[in-house]
PDB file of N, CA and C in Angstrom:
ATOM      1  N   MET A   1     -37.853  15.250   8.716  1.00  0.00           N
ATOM      2  CA  MET A   1     -38.427  15.718   7.480  1.00  0.00           C
ATOM      3  C   MET A   1     -38.698  17.216   7.546  1.00  0.00           C
ATOM      4  N   PHE A   2     -39.119  17.685   8.703  1.00  0.00           N
ATOM      5  CA  PHE A   2     -39.454  19.099   8.814  1.00  0.00           C
ATOM      6  C   PHE A   2     -38.209  19.967   8.957  1.00  0.00           C
ATOM      7  N   THR A   3     -37.113  19.385   9.441  1.00  0.00           N
ATOM      8  CA  THR A   3     -35.904  20.180   9.597  1.00  0.00           C
ATOM      9  C   THR A   3     -35.113  20.270   8.304  1.00  0.00           C
ATOM     10  N   ARG A   4     -35.163  19.222   7.477  1.00  0.00           N
ATOM     11  CA  ARG A   4     -34.447  19.224   6.198  1.00  0.00           C
ATOM     12  C   ARG A   4     -35.343  18.656   5.100  1.00  0.00           C
ATOM     13  N   PRO A   5     -36.355  19.421   4.660  1.00  0.00           N
ATOM     14  CA  PRO A   5     -37.286  18.880   3.669  1.00  0.00           C
ATOM     15  C   PRO A   5     -36.626  18.537   2.344  1.00  0.00           C
ATOM     16  N   GLY A   6     -35.658  19.335   1.919  1.00  0.00           N
ATOM     17  CA  GLY A   6     -34.990  19.072   0.644  1.00  0.00           C
ATOM     18  C   GLY A   6     -34.271  17.737   0.648  1.00  0.00           C
ATOM     19  N   HIS A   7     -33.655  17.400   1.761  1.00  0.00           N
ATOM     20  CA  HIS A   7     -32.930  16.136   1.879  1.00  0.00           C
ATOM     21  C   HIS A   7     -33.895  14.960   1.738  1.00  0.00           C
ATOM     22  N   SER A   8     -35.034  15.036   2.410  1.00  0.00           N
ATOM     23  CA  SER A   8     -36.017  13.953   2.343  1.00  0.00           C
ATOM     24  C   SER A   8     -36.581  13.804   0.945  1.00  0.00           C
ATOM     25  N   ILE A   9     -36.875  14.937   0.298  1.00  0.00           N
ATOM     26  CA  ILE A   9     -37.428  14.893  -1.057  1.00  0.00           C
ATOM     27  C   ILE A   9     -36.412  14.284  -2.014  1.00  0.00           C
ATOM     28  N   ARG A  10     -35.147  14.663  -1.867  1.00  0.00           N
ATOM     29  CA  ARG A  10     -34.102  14.136  -2.744  1.00  0.00           C
ATOM     30  C   ARG A  10     -33.979  12.626  -2.582  1.00  0.00           C
ATOM     31  N   GLU A  11     -33.974  12.139  -1.348  1.00  0.00           N
ATOM     32  CA  GLU A  11     -33.889  10.695  -1.118  1.00  0.00           C
ATOM     33  C   GLU A  11     -35.104   9.981  -1.677  1.00  0.00           C
ATOM     34  N   PHE A  12     -36.277  10.590  -1.524  1.00  0.00           N
ATOM     35  CA  PHE A  12     -37.506   9.971  -2.021  1.00  0.00           C
ATOM     36  C   PHE A  12     -37.445   9.829  -3.536  1.00  0.00           C
ATOM     37  N   ILE A  13     -36.968  10.872  -4.213  1.00  0.00           N
ATOM     38  CA  ILE A  13     -36.880  10.838  -5.673  1.00  0.00           C
ATOM     39  C   ILE A  13     -35.861   9.793  -6.125  1.00  0.00           C
ATOM     40  N   GLU A  14     -34.786   9.650  -5.367  1.00  0.00           N
ATOM     41  CA  GLU A  14     -33.744   8.683  -5.735  1.00  0.00           C
ATOM     42  C   GLU A  14     -34.169   7.250  -5.448  1.00  0.00           C
ATOM     43  N   GLY A  15     -35.310   7.065  -4.827  1.00  0.00           N
ATOM     44  CA  GLY A  15     -35.820   5.723  -4.599  1.00  0.00           C
ATOM     45  C   GLY A  15     -35.545   5.174  -3.213  1.00  0.00           C
ATOM     46  N   LYS A  16     -35.002   5.992  -2.317  1.00  0.00           N
ATOM     47  CA  LYS A  16     -34.737   5.525  -0.958  1.00  0.00           C
ATOM     48  C   LYS A  16     -35.993   5.746  -0.128  1.00  0.00           C
ATOM     49  N   ARG A  17     -37.028   4.979  -0.435  1.00  0.00           N
ATOM     50  CA  ARG A  17     -38.336   5.229   0.159  1.00  0.00           C
ATOM     51  C   ARG A  17     -38.585   4.374   1.390  1.00  0.00           C
ATOM     52  N   VAL A  18     -37.621   3.576   1.784  1.00  0.00           N
ATOM     53  CA  VAL A  18     -37.839   2.666   2.909  1.00  0.00           C
ATOM     54  C   VAL A  18     -38.071   3.454   4.197  1.00  0.00           C
ATOM     55  N   LYS A  19     -37.321   4.563   4.372  1.00  0.00           N
ATOM     56  CA  LYS A  19     -37.422   5.338   5.599  1.00  0.00           C
ATOM     57  C   LYS A  19     -38.646   6.238   5.614  1.00  0.00           C
ATOM     58  N   HIS A  20     -39.255   6.438   4.457  1.00  0.00           N
ATOM     59  CA  HIS A  20     -40.322   7.419   4.340  1.00  0.00           C
ATOM     60  C   HIS A  20     -41.684   6.741   4.306  1.00  0.00           C
ATOM     61  N   PHE A  21     -42.684   7.479   4.732  1.00  0.00           N
ATOM     62  CA  PHE A  21     -44.050   6.974   4.648  1.00  0.00           C
ATOM     63  C   PHE A  21     -44.494   6.960   3.195  1.00  0.00           C
ATOM     64  N   LYS A  22     -45.427   6.079   2.889  1.00  0.00           N
ATOM     65  CA  LYS A  22     -46.015   6.095   1.556  1.00  0.00           C
ATOM     66  C   LYS A  22     -46.847   7.372   1.424  1.00  0.00           C
ATOM     67  N   PRO A  23     -46.736   8.050   0.293  1.00  0.00           N
ATOM     68  CA  PRO A  23     -47.403   9.357   0.146  1.00  0.00           C
ATOM     69  C   PRO A  23     -48.905   9.308   0.407  1.00  0.00           C
ATOM     70  N   LEU A  24     -49.592   8.306  -0.119  1.00  0.00           N
ATOM     71  CA  LEU A  24     -51.039   8.237   0.077  1.00  0.00           C
ATOM     72  C   LEU A  24     -51.385   7.988   1.536  1.00  0.00           C
ATOM     73  N   TRP A  25     -50.574   7.175   2.210  1.00  0.00           N
ATOM     74  CA  TRP A  25     -50.810   6.912   3.630  1.00  0.00           C
ATOM     75  C   TRP A  25     -50.623   8.192   4.428  1.00  0.00           C
ATOM     76  N   LEU A  26     -49.594   8.954   4.079  1.00  0.00           N
ATOM     77  CA  LEU A  26     -49.326  10.206   4.784  1.00  0.00           C
ATOM     78  C   LEU A  26     -50.475  11.188   4.581  1.00  0.00           C
ATOM     79  N   VAL A  27     -50.984  11.286   3.370  1.00  0.00           N
ATOM     80  CA  VAL A  27     -52.114  12.176   3.087  1.00  0.00           C
ATOM     81  C   VAL A  27     -53.340  11.749   3.887  1.00  0.00           C
ATOM     82  N   ALA A  28     -53.575  10.445   3.970  1.00  0.00           N
ATOM     83  CA  ALA A  28     -54.725   9.944   4.721  1.00  0.00           C
ATOM     84  C   ALA A  28     -54.605  10.296   6.202  1.00  0.00           C
ATOM     85  N   VAL A  29     -53.419  10.141   6.762  1.00  0.00           N
ATOM     86  CA  VAL A  29     -53.206  10.452   8.176  1.00  0.00           C
ATOM     87  C   VAL A  29     -53.374  11.946   8.428  1.00  0.00           C
ATOM     88  N   LEU A  30     -52.791  12.771   7.555  1.00  0.00           N
ATOM     89  CA  LEU A  30     -52.926  14.215   7.722  1.00  0.00           C
ATOM     90  C   LEU A  30     -54.388  14.642   7.595  1.00  0.00           C
ATOM     91  N   GLY A  31     -55.110  14.024   6.674  1.00  0.00           N
ATOM     92  CA  GLY A  31     -56.526  14.326   6.519  1.00  0.00           C
ATOM     93  C   GLY A  31     -57.317  13.956   7.766  1.00  0.00           C
ATOM     94  N   ALA A  32     -56.983  12.813   8.351  1.00  0.00           N
ATOM     95  CA  ALA A  32     -57.666  12.377   9.569  1.00  0.00           C
ATOM     96  C   ALA A  32     -57.363  13.334  10.725  1.00  0.00           C
ATOM     97  N   LEU A  33     -56.112  13.729  10.859  1.00  0.00           N
ATOM     98  CA  LEU A  33     -55.741  14.672  11.916  1.00  0.00           C
ATOM     99  C   LEU A  33     -56.443  16.010  11.716  1.00  0.00           C
ATOM    100  N   TYR A  34     -56.509  16.456  10.479  1.00  0.00           N
ATOM    101  CA  TYR A  34     -57.185  17.716  10.179  1.00  0.00           C
ATOM    102  C   TYR A  34     -58.672  17.623  10.527  1.00  0.00           C
ATOM    103  N   GLY A  35     -59.252  16.461  10.300  1.00  0.00           N
ATOM    104  CA  GLY A  35     -60.658  16.263  10.623  1.00  0.00           C
ATOM    105  C   GLY A  35     -60.928  16.345  12.119  1.00  0.00           C
ATOM    106  N   PHE A  36     -59.959  15.935  12.930  1.00  0.00           N
ATOM    107  CA  PHE A  36     -60.133  15.982  14.378  1.00  0.00           C
ATOM    108  C   PHE A  36     -60.002  17.393  14.934  1.00  0.00           C
ATOM    109  N   LEU A  37     -59.319  18.264  14.209  1.00  0.00           N
ATOM    110  CA  LEU A  37     -59.080  19.628  14.718  1.00  0.00           C
ATOM    111  C   LEU A  37     -60.258  20.550  14.530  1.00  0.00           C
TER     112      LEU A  37
END
């Protein structure tokens, strides 16, 4: 995702969300990691 963000975003928009994390779950994890730092 970090090497080709456009590719991931395009797949997500097209509905190929199986490989990707759910957006709210990802936000929750990033928030938790940020809280630990």
